[in-house]
Amino acid sequence: MSETAGRRDGAPALPEAEVRVRGAPSLVWLIPLLALAIGAWLALKTLSEQGPTITVRFPSAAGLQAGKTKVKFKDVEVGQVTAIDVSQDLDSVIVTAELKHGSAHLLNAETRFWVERPRVSASRVSGLETLLSGAFIALDPGSSGATRRDFVGLDEPPLFTTDAPGTRFVLRAATLGSLNIGSPVYYRQIQVGQVVGFALEDDASAVRIELFIPTPHDALISAETRFWNASGVDISLSGAGISLDTQSLISVLLGGVAFDTPDTIAGSGARAQPLDVFPLYPNREAAHAKTYAAKSHYLLLFEGSVRGLSIGAPVMLRGIEIGQVLDIQLQFDPEAETFRIPVLIEIEPERIALREAEHVPDHAHMLERLVALGLRAQLKLASLITGQLYVELDIDPETPSTGLGRYGDYVVIPSRPTPLEALTGKLERILSRLEQVPFERIGADLGQTLGRVREVVDSGVLSQFGEDLEDTLASLRGLAEQLDGEVAPALRGTLEEARATFAHAGAMLDPEAATTREFRTMLRETAEAARAVRDLADYLERHPEALIQGKGGLR
């Protein structure tokens, strides 16, 4: 019917479609597959080349721009800032940065970030190169720690990076003083390090100061090294005079630390280890002062003025310092109604060496013996210029023997007044004795005596006595003239005769004179006769029968 209708319309007949089954897919399908593969490859490549994304918290975003600010390590670009947002607490900004592939090993718990920009301070100048290139974020990888992606940036760039060769040490001080980050560390007035940080101890009892000493100067630090504060100008006024100590102009302005290793007999010379803790002494003198472990506290009681004595004043024994003054108080005794000044001193007994001691010395017993021998404490003037006093311990054998006393919990060493107080006491005793002299009665008696003398003078007795004395002197003068005229010639003759007699006697006593030779011969013969008599007496004592029988009867 359809064919009839088609022909009826006069239109040609349409060809019939032939369906064929092909054996392989068309090449057209390769185009989307290829596009899909390229996209996957690009995605994988992008993911594989993409580095870690980090966030760094800074106080402000001054100088930072998203998409422009670089992240650098040793001036090599390792990333770029991608976003900058304000934190939710509005106290800081959060900078998001994308690092390059292979930078993950730079990120750990000790990694530090800071903004490198121009900085000029009293201790350092840095970041001047960013005046042209612009600010960038610097990175300092830590040496260890767990992997991290969120960090808190530093307000200031560190003085030394983690890979800088050197050693960090810690100082412990009561106060920070004028030290600050960047303060120099000196050895023999040459800068060999810097202060890199400080913080309070956990219990706020002291300040921890961190130093960094680069290689090779870190080898100078040993277990016996002493550190002291070299800030400013150290001027000390003591009994020895005025001392001035300073390191350099920089230390005067910025503060600083100096160190040295004193030579000691017991020093091991072992090198200090990283982060070893050392005490920070206030000055060079305190650092080099020899320290002793044993310390004993004693009390001194003074009744006179202690003006010029201060805390820290030395305690001397025969000119050698063995301790110091710790405390001075003024106390009133209501019972005696007098003032007393207790002075607490600290003595280091190890400063007193015992000669050929076989055992550990008992310092308490030794002090008790010294006090019994006359050990006393006395205030003495250290300097006429400053008027400062010090405590002198010395043995006075003439002091009455006494023992150690006690005042509260302390052992009391007896004291004696100062030389000025002793002189004042003597003067007071002299004055008190002078007050007991009856000057009024003596004056009255003297007045009476002078009155009687005046009466004698007025009576003319002295005038008559003068005339009699003049007559007596005239008589003596005449007698002398008579003796000179009559007696003197006879006396001269007598002297001449005596001289002749002595000359004759001298001639007789001459060793070469005949009389002298005869006298010696007589003495020799007399000695021989005495010897013969002695021999005869000895013989008769042994042989008394010889008196009867004779010498021949003994045969």
Foldseek 3Di string as FASTA:
>chain_A
DVVVVCVVVVDDDDDDDDDDDDDDDDPVVVVVVVVVVVVVVVVVVCVQFWADKAKEKDQEQVQADAPQAFEDEPNHGFKGWHDKAADPVNRIIITIITGTPPCQVQAFPPKAKEKQDFDDDLQDTGNPVCVPVTIHIYIAGADDHHGDRYYYHDHDDFPDGRPFAWFKEKEKEQDPPLADFNAFEDEVLDTFWTWGDKDADPVNRIIITMITGHPPCLQQAAPQKFKEKQAAWDWDQDLVGIDIDHRDPSSNVRTHMYMHHDDDPPDPSHRDDHHYYHYYHHDDVVRPDDDDDDKAKAKEKDQDDQPQEDFFFFEDEPRHGFWTWHDWDWDADVVVRGIIIITMIMGRVVVDDDPPDPDDDDVVVVVFVQQQQAWAWEWDASHPVRRHIHIYTYHDNPDHGDGWDDDPPHIYRHHDYYPVVVVVVVVVVVVVVVVVDPPVVVVVVVVVVVVVVVVVVVVCPVVVVVVVVVVVVVVVVVVVVVCVVPVVVVVVVVVVVVVVVVVVVVVCCPCPDPNNVVVVVVVVVVVVVVVVVVVVVVVCVVPVCCVPCNPVVVD
